[in-house]
C-alpha cells in the first residue's frame, strides 16, 4: 500500500494549529488519501500549538466518513507532543460517540445547555 507523508507545518504555514479552517484543509487531504486506499503519515514536526477545534476538523470528521478500522490501519501520527496526543485522544473519543448517534449527542448537548424543547 502506497504511503504519503503530510507535513502539517507546511500546510498550515506556521506552528499554530488552532483554526478549524486549517483543520479542514488537512481533512480534505486525509479523506482523499483514505479514499484512494493509501496510508498517510501526519507529521506534527515544528507545531507548538494545537486546539481541539483544529483536531476535530482535521481528524475527528474522518470518523463520520470511514470505519474506525480503516482509520487505524491507514493513519499514523508522528512528532506530536504528549499533551497534544491527549487532546487528540479526547477528540477521537468524542467523534466516535458523536458519529455513533449524532441526534442523541445533539439532544444531550441541548439538554446540558438548557435549550431542549419544552
PDB file of N, CA and C in Angstrom:
ATOM      1  N   UNK A   1       0.843  -1.182   0.000  1.00  0.00           N
ATOM      2  CA  UNK A   1       0.000   0.000   0.000  1.00  0.00           C
ATOM      3  C   UNK A   1       0.889   1.248   0.000  1.00  0.00           C
ATOM      4  N   UNK A   2       0.597   2.165  -0.898  1.00  0.00           N
ATOM      5  CA  UNK A   2       1.381   3.397  -1.006  1.00  0.00           C
ATOM      6  C   UNK A   2       1.209   4.245   0.251  1.00  0.00           C
ATOM      7  N   UNK A   3       2.294   4.940   0.622  1.00  0.00           N
ATOM      8  CA  UNK A   3       2.284   5.752   1.833  1.00  0.00           C
ATOM      9  C   UNK A   3       2.609   7.202   1.484  1.00  0.00           C
ATOM     10  N   UNK A   4       1.835   8.115   2.041  1.00  0.00           N
ATOM     11  CA  UNK A   4       2.031   9.548   1.800  1.00  0.00           C
ATOM     12  C   UNK A   4       2.322  10.216   3.136  1.00  0.00           C
ATOM     13  N   UNK A   5       3.267  11.173   3.141  1.00  0.00           N
ATOM     14  CA  UNK A   5       3.567  11.923   4.362  1.00  0.00           C
ATOM     15  C   UNK A   5       3.011  13.333   4.224  1.00  0.00           C
ATOM     16  N   UNK A   6       2.263  13.750   5.238  1.00  0.00           N
ATOM     17  CA  UNK A   6       1.668  15.084   5.258  1.00  0.00           C
ATOM     18  C   UNK A   6       2.351  15.879   6.363  1.00  0.00           C
ATOM     19  N   UNK A   7       3.027  16.963   5.988  1.00  0.00           N
ATOM     20  CA  UNK A   7       3.684  17.823   6.957  1.00  0.00           C
ATOM     21  C   UNK A   7       2.729  18.970   7.299  1.00  0.00           C
ATOM     22  N   UNK A   8       2.192  18.917   8.509  1.00  0.00           N
ATOM     23  CA  UNK A   8       1.187  19.895   8.942  1.00  0.00           C
ATOM     24  C   UNK A   8       1.750  21.321   8.913  1.00  0.00           C
ATOM     25  N   UNK A   9       2.978  21.494   9.371  1.00  0.00           N
ATOM     26  CA  UNK A   9       3.604  22.818   9.400  1.00  0.00           C
ATOM     27  C   UNK A   9       3.582  23.454   8.004  1.00  0.00           C
ATOM     28  N   UNK A  10       3.956  22.679   6.984  1.00  0.00           N
ATOM     29  CA  UNK A  10       3.996  23.211   5.620  1.00  0.00           C
ATOM     30  C   UNK A  10       2.606  23.593   5.114  1.00  0.00           C
ATOM     31  N   UNK A  11       1.599  22.798   5.488  1.00  0.00           N
ATOM     32  CA  UNK A  11       0.237  23.068   5.009  1.00  0.00           C
ATOM     33  C   UNK A  11      -0.422  24.235   5.728  1.00  0.00           C
ATOM     34  N   UNK A  12      -0.173  24.344   7.039  1.00  0.00           N
ATOM     35  CA  UNK A  12      -0.781  25.421   7.823  1.00  0.00           C
ATOM     36  C   UNK A  12       0.002  26.725   7.625  1.00  0.00           C
ATOM     37  N   UNK A  13       1.305  26.605   7.438  1.00  0.00           N
ATOM     38  CA  UNK A  13       2.132  27.777   7.180  1.00  0.00           C
ATOM     39  C   UNK A  13       2.801  28.351   8.408  1.00  0.00           C
ATOM     40  N   UNK A  14       2.518  27.760   9.570  1.00  0.00           N
ATOM     41  CA  UNK A  14       3.179  28.179  10.810  1.00  0.00           C
ATOM     42  C   UNK A  14       3.010  27.077  11.853  1.00  0.00           C
ATOM     43  N   UNK A  15       3.455  27.329  13.069  1.00  0.00           N
ATOM     44  CA  UNK A  15       3.427  26.318  14.124  1.00  0.00           C
ATOM     45  C   UNK A  15       2.159  26.298  14.951  1.00  0.00           C
ATOM     46  N   UNK A  16       1.162  27.080  14.542  1.00  0.00           N
ATOM     47  CA  UNK A  16      -0.078  27.157  15.311  1.00  0.00           C
ATOM     48  C   UNK A  16      -1.230  26.485  14.569  1.00  0.00           C
ATOM     49  N   UNK A  17      -1.671  25.359  15.116  1.00  0.00           N
ATOM     50  CA  UNK A  17      -2.814  24.638  14.547  1.00  0.00           C
ATOM     51  C   UNK A  17      -4.017  24.909  15.438  1.00  0.00           C
ATOM     52  N   UNK A  18      -4.623  26.066  15.231  1.00  0.00           N
ATOM     53  CA  UNK A  18      -5.712  26.488  16.106  1.00  0.00           C
ATOM     54  C   UNK A  18      -7.030  26.676  15.373  1.00  0.00           C
ATOM     55  N   UNK A  19      -6.991  26.931  14.072  1.00  0.00           N
ATOM     56  CA  UNK A  19      -8.206  27.263  13.329  1.00  0.00           C
ATOM     57  C   UNK A  19      -8.865  26.036  12.706  1.00  0.00           C
ATOM     58  N   UNK A  20     -10.180  25.915  12.870  1.00  0.00           N
ATOM     59  CA  UNK A  20     -10.891  24.812  12.217  1.00  0.00           C
ATOM     60  C   UNK A  20     -10.706  24.827  10.694  1.00  0.00           C
ATOM     61  N   UNK A  21     -10.583  26.017  10.095  1.00  0.00           N
ATOM     62  CA  UNK A  21     -10.396  26.113   8.643  1.00  0.00           C
ATOM     63  C   UNK A  21      -9.107  25.422   8.205  1.00  0.00           C
ATOM     64  N   UNK A  22      -8.052  25.560   9.018  1.00  0.00           N
ATOM     65  CA  UNK A  22      -6.800  24.860   8.711  1.00  0.00           C
ATOM     66  C   UNK A  22      -6.996  23.355   8.856  1.00  0.00           C
ATOM     67  N   UNK A  23      -7.766  22.959   9.862  1.00  0.00           N
ATOM     68  CA  UNK A  23      -8.075  21.542  10.043  1.00  0.00           C
ATOM     69  C   UNK A  23      -8.835  20.985   8.852  1.00  0.00           C
ATOM     70  N   UNK A  24      -9.732  21.805   8.277  1.00  0.00           N
ATOM     71  CA  UNK A  24     -10.491  21.376   7.092  1.00  0.00           C
ATOM     72  C   UNK A  24      -9.563  21.053   5.925  1.00  0.00           C
ATOM     73  N   UNK A  25      -8.498  21.848   5.761  1.00  0.00           N
ATOM     74  CA  UNK A  25      -7.526  21.591   4.689  1.00  0.00           C
ATOM     75  C   UNK A  25      -6.887  20.215   4.874  1.00  0.00           C
ATOM     76  N   UNK A  26      -6.527  19.918   6.118  1.00  0.00           N
ATOM     77  CA  UNK A  26      -5.898  18.629   6.432  1.00  0.00           C
ATOM     78  C   UNK A  26      -6.906  17.502   6.197  1.00  0.00           C
ATOM     79  N   UNK A  27      -8.147  17.707   6.667  1.00  0.00           N
ATOM     80  CA  UNK A  27      -9.196  16.703   6.486  1.00  0.00           C
ATOM     81  C   UNK A  27      -9.372  16.350   5.013  1.00  0.00           C
ATOM     82  N   UNK A  28      -9.416  17.355   4.142  1.00  0.00           N
ATOM     83  CA  UNK A  28      -9.608  17.108   2.710  1.00  0.00           C
ATOM     84  C   UNK A  28      -8.501  16.203   2.152  1.00  0.00           C
ATOM     85  N   UNK A  29      -7.276  16.453   2.578  1.00  0.00           N
ATOM     86  CA  UNK A  29      -6.146  15.636   2.122  1.00  0.00           C
ATOM     87  C   UNK A  29      -6.264  14.220   2.677  1.00  0.00           C
ATOM     88  N   UNK A  30      -6.578  14.104   3.966  1.00  0.00           N
ATOM     89  CA  UNK A  30      -6.692  12.783   4.592  1.00  0.00           C
ATOM     90  C   UNK A  30      -7.836  11.983   3.969  1.00  0.00           C
ATOM     91  N   UNK A  31      -8.962  12.636   3.751  1.00  0.00           N
ATOM     92  CA  UNK A  31     -10.119  11.949   3.165  1.00  0.00           C
ATOM     93  C   UNK A  31      -9.777  11.407   1.782  1.00  0.00           C
ATOM     94  N   UNK A  32      -9.136  12.232   0.953  1.00  0.00           N
ATOM     95  CA  UNK A  32      -8.772  11.791  -0.387  1.00  0.00           C
ATOM     96  C   UNK A  32      -7.794  10.629  -0.323  1.00  0.00           C
ATOM     97  N   UNK A  33      -6.821  10.730   0.565  1.00  0.00           N
ATOM     98  CA  UNK A  33      -5.810   9.676   0.693  1.00  0.00           C
ATOM     99  C   UNK A  33      -6.446   8.362   1.121  1.00  0.00           C
ATOM    100  N   UNK A  34      -7.337   8.401   2.114  1.00  0.00           N
ATOM    101  CA  UNK A  34      -8.003   7.185   2.571  1.00  0.00           C
ATOM    102  C   UNK A  34      -8.947   6.644   1.501  1.00  0.00           C
ATOM    103  N   UNK A  35      -9.628   7.517   0.788  1.00  0.00           N
ATOM    104  CA  UNK A  35     -10.488   7.063  -0.319  1.00  0.00           C
ATOM    105  C   UNK A  35      -9.685   6.378  -1.422  1.00  0.00           C
ATOM    106  N   UNK A  36      -8.445   6.807  -1.597  1.00  0.00           N
ATOM    107  CA  UNK A  36      -7.555   6.206  -2.600  1.00  0.00           C
ATOM    108  C   UNK A  36      -6.844   4.964  -2.066  1.00  0.00           C
ATOM    109  N   UNK A  37      -7.248   4.506  -0.865  1.00  0.00           N
ATOM    110  CA  UNK A  37      -6.655   3.320  -0.215  1.00  0.00           C
ATOM    111  C   UNK A  37      -5.145   3.432  -0.042  1.00  0.00           C
ATOM    112  N   UNK A  38      -4.695   4.616   0.374  1.00  0.00           N
ATOM    113  CA  UNK A  38      -3.279   4.834   0.670  1.00  0.00           C
ATOM    114  C   UNK A  38      -3.130   5.047   2.164  1.00  0.00           C
ATOM    115  N   UNK A  39      -1.930   4.772   2.657  1.00  0.00           N
ATOM    116  CA  UNK A  39      -1.613   5.075   4.051  1.00  0.00           C
ATOM    117  C   UNK A  39      -1.103   6.507   4.115  1.00  0.00           C
ATOM    118  N   UNK A  40      -1.348   7.148   5.249  1.00  0.00           N
ATOM    119  CA  UNK A  40      -0.887   8.527   5.396  1.00  0.00           C
ATOM    120  C   UNK A  40      -0.221   8.696   6.757  1.00  0.00           C
ATOM    121  N   UNK A  41       0.925   9.343   6.730  1.00  0.00           N
ATOM    122  CA  UNK A  41       1.643   9.695   7.956  1.00  0.00           C
ATOM    123  C   UNK A  41       1.480  11.196   8.122  1.00  0.00           C
ATOM    124  N   UNK A  42       0.968  11.595   9.283  1.00  0.00           N
ATOM    125  CA  UNK A  42       0.801  13.020   9.565  1.00  0.00           C
ATOM    126  C   UNK A  42       1.929  13.433  10.504  1.00  0.00           C
ATOM    127  N   UNK A  43       2.754  14.361  10.054  1.00  0.00           N
ATOM    128  CA  UNK A  43       3.856  14.851  10.876  1.00  0.00           C
ATOM    129  C   UNK A  43       3.497  16.198  11.498  1.00  0.00           C
ATOM    130  N   UNK A  44       3.626  16.259  12.826  1.00  0.00           N
ATOM    131  CA  UNK A  44       3.384  17.498  13.558  1.00  0.00           C
ATOM    132  C   UNK A  44       4.704  18.156  13.966  1.00  0.00           C
ATOM    133  N   UNK A  45       5.759  17.880  13.214  1.00  0.00           N
ATOM    134  CA  UNK A  45       7.064  18.482  13.493  1.00  0.00           C
ATOM    135  C   UNK A  45       6.959  20.001  13.386  1.00  0.00           C
ATOM    136  N   UNK A  46       7.536  20.697  14.353  1.00  0.00           N
ATOM    137  CA  UNK A  46       7.565  22.164  14.430  1.00  0.00           C
ATOM    138  C   UNK A  46       6.211  22.789  14.765  1.00  0.00           C
ATOM    139  N   UNK A  47       5.258  21.980  15.190  1.00  0.00           N
ATOM    140  CA  UNK A  47       3.968  22.511  15.625  1.00  0.00           C
ATOM    141  C   UNK A  47       4.043  22.715  17.134  1.00  0.00           C
ATOM    142  N   UNK A  48       3.744  23.932  17.593  1.00  0.00           N
ATOM    143  CA  UNK A  48       3.858  24.210  19.025  1.00  0.00           C
ATOM    144  C   UNK A  48       2.526  24.503  19.693  1.00  0.00           C
ATOM    145  N   UNK A  49       1.445  24.574  18.907  1.00  0.00           N
ATOM    146  CA  UNK A  49       0.143  24.865  19.490  1.00  0.00           C
ATOM    147  C   UNK A  49      -0.946  24.162  18.681  1.00  0.00           C
ATOM    148  N   UNK A  50      -1.767  23.346  19.370  1.00  0.00           N
ATOM    149  CA  UNK A  50      -2.863  22.631  18.710  1.00  0.00           C
ATOM    150  C   UNK A  50      -4.114  22.785  19.561  1.00  0.00           C
ATOM    151  N   UNK A  51      -5.246  23.056  18.905  1.00  0.00           N
ATOM    152  CA  UNK A  51      -6.511  23.130  19.641  1.00  0.00           C
ATOM    153  C   UNK A  51      -7.395  21.946  19.250  1.00  0.00           C
ATOM    154  N   UNK A  52      -8.362  21.660  20.112  1.00  0.00           N
ATOM    155  CA  UNK A  52      -9.301  20.590  19.800  1.00  0.00           C
ATOM    156  C   UNK A  52     -10.148  20.971  18.587  1.00  0.00           C
ATOM    157  N   UNK A  53     -10.408  22.256  18.380  1.00  0.00           N
ATOM    158  CA  UNK A  53     -11.177  22.698  17.203  1.00  0.00           C
ATOM    159  C   UNK A  53     -10.462  22.305  15.910  1.00  0.00           C
ATOM    160  N   UNK A  54      -9.150  22.510  15.875  1.00  0.00           N
ATOM    161  CA  UNK A  54      -8.348  22.116  14.710  1.00  0.00           C
ATOM    162  C   UNK A  54      -8.407  20.603  14.520  1.00  0.00           C
ATOM    163  N   UNK A  55      -8.181  19.849  15.605  1.00  0.00           N
ATOM    164  CA  UNK A  55      -8.156  18.388  15.511  1.00  0.00           C
ATOM    165  C   UNK A  55      -9.525  17.811  15.166  1.00  0.00           C
ATOM    166  N   UNK A  56     -10.597  18.424  15.664  1.00  0.00           N
ATOM    167  CA  UNK A  56     -11.941  17.968  15.288  1.00  0.00           C
ATOM    168  C   UNK A  56     -12.136  18.094  13.780  1.00  0.00           C
ATOM    169  N   UNK A  57     -11.715  19.215  13.218  1.00  0.00           N
ATOM    170  CA  UNK A  57     -11.863  19.436  11.781  1.00  0.00           C
ATOM    171  C   UNK A  57     -10.941  18.540  10.968  1.00  0.00           C
ATOM    172  N   UNK A  58      -9.721  18.349  11.442  1.00  0.00           N
ATOM    173  CA  UNK A  58      -8.726  17.585  10.685  1.00  0.00           C
ATOM    174  C   UNK A  58      -8.927  16.080  10.797  1.00  0.00           C
ATOM    175  N   UNK A  59      -9.130  15.585  12.013  1.00  0.00           N
ATOM    176  CA  UNK A  59      -9.148  14.141  12.256  1.00  0.00           C
ATOM    177  C   UNK A  59     -10.524  13.640  12.698  1.00  0.00           C
ATOM    178  N   UNK A  60     -11.173  14.366  13.588  1.00  0.00           N
ATOM    179  CA  UNK A  60     -12.451  13.905  14.136  1.00  0.00           C
ATOM    180  C   UNK A  60     -13.487  13.620  13.068  1.00  0.00           C
ATOM    181  N   UNK A  61     -13.558  14.476  12.047  1.00  0.00           N
ATOM    182  CA  UNK A  61     -14.554  14.307  10.980  1.00  0.00           C
ATOM    183  C   UNK A  61     -14.341  13.023  10.179  1.00  0.00           C
ATOM    184  N   UNK A  62     -13.130  12.470  10.222  1.00  0.00           N
ATOM    185  CA  UNK A  62     -12.871  11.222   9.496  1.00  0.00           C
ATOM    186  C   UNK A  62     -13.787  10.100   9.987  1.00  0.00           C
ATOM    187  N   UNK A  63     -14.146  10.154  11.282  1.00  0.00           N
ATOM    188  CA  UNK A  63     -14.971   9.098  11.863  1.00  0.00           C
ATOM    189  C   UNK A  63     -16.407   9.141  11.344  1.00  0.00           C
ATOM    190  N   UNK A  64     -16.787  10.215  10.691  1.00  0.00           N
ATOM    191  CA  UNK A  64     -18.081  10.293  10.037  1.00  0.00           C
ATOM    192  C   UNK A  64     -18.028   9.785   8.601  1.00  0.00           C
ATOM    193  N   UNK A  65     -16.833   9.568   8.088  1.00  0.00           N
ATOM    194  CA  UNK A  65     -16.642   9.159   6.698  1.00  0.00           C
ATOM    195  C   UNK A  65     -16.148   7.719   6.553  1.00  0.00           C
ATOM    196  N   UNK A  66     -15.392   7.246   7.551  1.00  0.00           N
ATOM    197  CA  UNK A  66     -14.724   5.945   7.437  1.00  0.00           C
ATOM    198  C   UNK A  66     -14.949   5.111   8.692  1.00  0.00           C
ATOM    199  N   UNK A  67     -14.827   3.798   8.527  1.00  0.00           N
ATOM    200  CA  UNK A  67     -14.856   2.884   9.678  1.00  0.00           C
ATOM    201  C   UNK A  67     -13.599   3.123  10.515  1.00  0.00           C
ATOM    202  N   UNK A  68     -13.732   2.921  11.817  1.00  0.00           N
ATOM    203  CA  UNK A  68     -12.588   3.110  12.711  1.00  0.00           C
ATOM    204  C   UNK A  68     -11.409   2.233  12.298  1.00  0.00           C
ATOM    205  N   UNK A  69     -11.674   1.003  11.890  1.00  0.00           N
ATOM    206  CA  UNK A  69     -10.595   0.086  11.497  1.00  0.00           C
ATOM    207  C   UNK A  69      -9.811   0.637  10.305  1.00  0.00           C
ATOM    208  N   UNK A  70     -10.507   1.244   9.362  1.00  0.00           N
ATOM    209  CA  UNK A  70      -9.850   1.831   8.181  1.00  0.00           C
ATOM    210  C   UNK A  70      -8.932   2.982   8.610  1.00  0.00           C
ATOM    211  N   UNK A  71      -9.411   3.810   9.523  1.00  0.00           N
ATOM    212  CA  UNK A  71      -8.606   4.933  10.003  1.00  0.00           C
ATOM    213  C   UNK A  71      -7.370   4.417  10.730  1.00  0.00           C
ATOM    214  N   UNK A  72      -7.583   3.431  11.604  1.00  0.00           N
ATOM    215  CA  UNK A  72      -6.449   2.892  12.381  1.00  0.00           C
ATOM    216  C   UNK A  72      -5.379   2.272  11.493  1.00  0.00           C
ATOM    217  N   UNK A  73      -5.787   1.582  10.448  1.00  0.00           N
ATOM    218  CA  UNK A  73      -4.798   0.916   9.598  1.00  0.00           C
ATOM    219  C   UNK A  73      -4.154   1.873   8.591  1.00  0.00           C
ATOM    220  N   UNK A  74      -4.797   2.988   8.316  1.00  0.00           N
ATOM    221  CA  UNK A  74      -4.309   3.884   7.261  1.00  0.00           C
ATOM    222  C   UNK A  74      -3.638   5.151   7.763  1.00  0.00           C
ATOM    223  N   UNK A  75      -3.826   5.488   9.035  1.00  0.00           N
ATOM    224  CA  UNK A  75      -3.370   6.773   9.551  1.00  0.00           C
ATOM    225  C   UNK A  75      -2.325   6.587  10.647  1.00  0.00           C
ATOM    226  N   UNK A  76      -1.222   7.304  10.506  1.00  0.00           N
ATOM    227  CA  UNK A  76      -0.172   7.257  11.520  1.00  0.00           C
ATOM    228  C   UNK A  76       0.204   8.691  11.875  1.00  0.00           C
ATOM    229  N   UNK A  77       0.373   8.949  13.181  1.00  0.00           N
ATOM    230  CA  UNK A  77       0.737  10.280  13.674  1.00  0.00           C
ATOM    231  C   UNK A  77       2.202  10.258  14.113  1.00  0.00           C
ATOM    232  N   UNK A  78       2.947  11.273  13.710  1.00  0.00           N
ATOM    233  CA  UNK A  78       4.357  11.394  14.108  1.00  0.00           C
ATOM    234  C   UNK A  78       4.634  12.783  14.676  1.00  0.00           C
ATOM    235  N   UNK A  79       5.660  12.852  15.508  1.00  0.00           N
ATOM    236  CA  UNK A  79       6.205  14.124  16.003  1.00  0.00           C
ATOM    237  C   UNK A  79       5.181  14.962  16.766  1.00  0.00           C
ATOM    238  N   UNK A  80       4.258  14.316  17.469  1.00  0.00           N
ATOM    239  CA  UNK A  80       3.239  15.047  18.226  1.00  0.00           C
ATOM    240  C   UNK A  80       3.626  15.055  19.698  1.00  0.00           C
ATOM    241  N   UNK A  81       3.528  16.220  20.330  1.00  0.00           N
ATOM    242  CA  UNK A  81       3.834  16.344  21.751  1.00  0.00           C
ATOM    243  C   UNK A  81       2.829  15.541  22.581  1.00  0.00           C
ATOM    244  N   UNK A  82       3.275  15.055  23.736  1.00  0.00           N
ATOM    245  CA  UNK A  82       2.422  14.228  24.601  1.00  0.00           C
ATOM    246  C   UNK A  82       1.119  14.954  24.948  1.00  0.00           C
ATOM    247  N   UNK A  83       1.204  16.224  25.306  1.00  0.00           N
ATOM    248  CA  UNK A  83      -0.011  16.949  25.696  1.00  0.00           C
ATOM    249  C   UNK A  83      -0.988  17.084  24.517  1.00  0.00           C
ATOM    250  N   UNK A  84      -0.448  17.140  23.298  1.00  0.00           N
ATOM    251  CA  UNK A  84      -1.306  17.206  22.114  1.00  0.00           C
ATOM    252  C   UNK A  84      -1.930  15.846  21.809  1.00  0.00           C
ATOM    253  N   UNK A  85      -1.204  14.775  22.125  1.00  0.00           N
ATOM    254  CA  UNK A  85      -1.762  13.427  21.947  1.00  0.00           C
ATOM    255  C   UNK A  85      -2.968  13.231  22.870  1.00  0.00           C
ATOM    256  N   UNK A  86      -2.918  13.819  24.047  1.00  0.00           N
ATOM    257  CA  UNK A  86      -4.041  13.727  24.991  1.00  0.00           C
ATOM    258  C   UNK A  86      -5.273  14.417  24.389  1.00  0.00           C
ATOM    259  N   UNK A  87      -5.066  15.597  23.801  1.00  0.00           N
ATOM    260  CA  UNK A  87      -6.168  16.318  23.147  1.00  0.00           C
ATOM    261  C   UNK A  87      -6.714  15.474  21.994  1.00  0.00           C
ATOM    262  N   UNK A  88      -5.819  14.888  21.203  1.00  0.00           N
ATOM    263  CA  UNK A  88      -6.234  14.074  20.060  1.00  0.00           C
ATOM    264  C   UNK A  88      -7.072  12.878  20.519  1.00  0.00           C
ATOM    265  N   UNK A  89      -6.655  12.229  21.606  1.00  0.00           N
ATOM    266  CA  UNK A  89      -7.432  11.087  22.114  1.00  0.00           C
ATOM    267  C   UNK A  89      -8.829  11.511  22.526  1.00  0.00           C
ATOM    268  N   UNK A  90      -8.954  12.682  23.157  1.00  0.00           N
ATOM    269  CA  UNK A  90     -10.269  13.194  23.544  1.00  0.00           C
ATOM    270  C   UNK A  90     -11.121  13.505  22.315  1.00  0.00           C
ATOM    271  N   UNK A  91     -10.507  14.096  21.315  1.00  0.00           N
ATOM    272  CA  UNK A  91     -11.212  14.431  20.074  1.00  0.00           C
ATOM    273  C   UNK A  91     -11.729  13.156  19.400  1.00  0.00           C
ATOM    274  N   UNK A  92     -10.887  12.138  19.337  1.00  0.00           N
ATOM    275  CA  UNK A  92     -11.281  10.877  18.699  1.00  0.00           C
ATOM    276  C   UNK A  92     -12.410  10.216  19.480  1.00  0.00           C
ATOM    277  N   UNK A  93     -12.313  10.196  20.797  1.00  0.00           N
ATOM    278  CA  UNK A  93     -13.388   9.615  21.620  1.00  0.00           C
ATOM    279  C   UNK A  93     -14.701  10.342  21.385  1.00  0.00           C
ATOM    280  N   UNK A  94     -14.653  11.659  21.376  1.00  0.00           N
ATOM    281  CA  UNK A  94     -15.850  12.457  21.143  1.00  0.00           C
ATOM    282  C   UNK A  94     -16.424  12.236  19.757  1.00  0.00           C
ATOM    283  N   UNK A  95     -15.553  12.150  18.760  1.00  0.00           N
ATOM    284  CA  UNK A  95     -16.005  11.940  17.376  1.00  0.00           C
ATOM    285  C   UNK A  95     -16.688  10.584  17.236  1.00  0.00           C
ATOM    286  N   UNK A  96     -16.104   9.560  17.849  1.00  0.00           N
ATOM    287  CA  UNK A  96     -16.702   8.225  17.757  1.00  0.00           C
ATOM    288  C   UNK A  96     -18.082   8.216  18.405  1.00  0.00           C
ATOM    289  N   UNK A  97     -18.204   8.844  19.564  1.00  0.00           N
ATOM    290  CA  UNK A  97     -19.510   8.934  20.237  1.00  0.00           C
ATOM    291  C   UNK A  97     -20.507   9.705  19.387  1.00  0.00           C
ATOM    292  N   UNK A  98     -20.072  10.825  18.860  1.00  0.00           N
ATOM    293  CA  UNK A  98     -20.960  11.667  18.057  1.00  0.00           C
ATOM    294  C   UNK A  98     -21.473  10.918  16.821  1.00  0.00           C
ATOM    295  N   UNK A  99     -20.554  10.337  16.054  1.00  0.00           N
ATOM    296  CA  UNK A  99     -20.956   9.713  14.793  1.00  0.00           C
ATOM    297  C   UNK A  99     -21.692   8.390  14.997  1.00  0.00           C
ATOM    298  N   UNK A 100     -21.595   7.842  16.207  1.00  0.00           N
ATOM    299  CA  UNK A 100     -22.363   6.640  16.543  1.00  0.00           C
ATOM    300  C   UNK A 100     -23.856   6.975  16.566  1.00  0.00           C
ATOM    301  N   UNK A 101     -24.194   8.151  17.120  1.00  0.00           N
ATOM    302  CA  UNK A 101     -25.591   8.573  17.228  1.00  0.00           C
ATOM    303  C   UNK A 101     -25.647  10.095  17.344  1.00  0.00           C
ATOM    304  N   UNK A 102     -25.499  10.796  16.199  1.00  0.00           N
ATOM    305  CA  UNK A 102     -25.439  12.270  16.217  1.00  0.00           C
ATOM    306  C   UNK A 102     -26.650  12.928  16.884  1.00  0.00           C
ATOM    307  N   UNK A 103     -27.831  12.418  16.630  1.00  0.00           N
ATOM    308  CA  UNK A 103     -29.033  13.040  17.176  1.00  0.00           C
ATOM    309  C   UNK A 103     -29.051  12.977  18.704  1.00  0.00           C
ATOM    310  N   UNK A 104     -28.667  11.814  19.235  1.00  0.00           N
ATOM    311  CA  UNK A 104     -28.620  11.668  20.693  1.00  0.00           C
ATOM    312  C   UNK A 104     -27.610  12.638  21.297  1.00  0.00           C
ATOM    313  N   UNK A 105     -26.447  12.793  20.640  1.00  0.00           N
ATOM    314  CA  UNK A 105     -25.404  13.687  21.134  1.00  0.00           C
ATOM    315  C   UNK A 105     -25.886  15.138  21.102  1.00  0.00           C
ATOM    316  N   UNK A 106     -26.532  15.540  20.023  1.00  0.00           N
ATOM    317  CA  UNK A 106     -27.043  16.914  19.910  1.00  0.00           C
ATOM    318  C   UNK A 106     -28.093  17.178  20.987  1.00  0.00           C
ATOM    319  N   UNK A 107     -28.992  16.218  21.194  1.00  0.00           N
ATOM    320  CA  UNK A 107     -30.017  16.373  22.230  1.00  0.00           C
ATOM    321  C   UNK A 107     -29.401  16.471  23.622  1.00  0.00           C
ATOM    322  N   UNK A 108     -28.358  15.692  23.883  1.00  0.00           N
ATOM    323  CA  UNK A 108     -27.666  15.764  25.180  1.00  0.00           C
ATOM    324  C   UNK A 108     -27.047  17.139  25.394  1.00  0.00           C
ATOM    325  N   UNK A 109     -26.429  17.673  24.357  1.00  0.00           N
ATOM    326  CA  UNK A 109     -25.808  18.998  24.452  1.00  0.00           C
ATOM    327  C   UNK A 109     -26.874  20.062  24.704  1.00  0.00           C
ATOM    328  N   UNK A 110     -27.981  19.968  23.977  1.00  0.00           N
ATOM    329  CA  UNK A 110     -29.078  20.930  24.178  1.00  0.00           C
ATOM    330  C   UNK A 110     -29.598  20.847  25.610  1.00  0.00           C
ATOM    331  N   UNK A 111     -29.713  19.640  26.130  1.00  0.00           N
ATOM    332  CA  UNK A 111     -30.204  19.452  27.496  1.00  0.00           C
ATOM    333  C   UNK A 111     -29.255  20.098  28.511  1.00  0.00           C
ATOM    334  N   UNK A 112     -27.981  19.875  28.295  1.00  0.00           N
ATOM    335  CA  UNK A 112     -26.958  20.450  29.191  1.00  0.00           C
ATOM    336  C   UNK A 112     -27.023  21.983  29.151  1.00  0.00           C
ATOM    337  N   UNK A 113     -27.243  22.538  27.958  1.00  0.00           N
ATOM    338  CA  UNK A 113     -27.281  23.986  27.790  1.00  0.00           C
ATOM    339  C   UNK A 113     -28.657  24.575  28.103  1.00  0.00           C
ATOM    340  N   UNK A 114     -29.612  23.712  28.453  1.00  0.00           N
ATOM    341  CA  UNK A 114     -30.941  24.174  28.784  1.00  0.00           C
ATOM    342  C   UNK A 114     -31.745  24.631  27.589  1.00  0.00           C
ATOM    343  N   UNK A 115     -31.413  24.090  26.416  1.00  0.00           N
ATOM    344  CA  UNK A 115     -32.080  24.505  25.183  1.00  0.00           C
ATOM    345  C   UNK A 115     -33.057  23.463  24.661  1.00  0.00           C
ATOM    346  N   UNK A 116     -33.348  22.460  25.476  1.00  0.00           N
ATOM    347  CA  UNK A 116     -34.239  21.409  24.975  1.00  0.00           C
ATOM    348  C   UNK A 116     -35.659  21.937  24.839  1.00  0.00           C
ATOM    349  N   UNK A 117     -36.398  21.354  23.919  1.00  0.00           N
ATOM    350  CA  UNK A 117     -37.767  21.775  23.674  1.00  0.00           C
ATOM    351  C   UNK A 117     -38.622  21.475  24.901  1.00  0.00           C
ATOM    352  N   UNK A 118     -39.485  22.405  25.238  1.00  0.00           N
ATOM    353  CA  UNK A 118     -40.345  22.236  26.422  1.00  0.00           C
ATOM    354  C   UNK A 118     -41.460  21.275  26.113  1.00  0.00           C
TER     355      UNK A 118
END
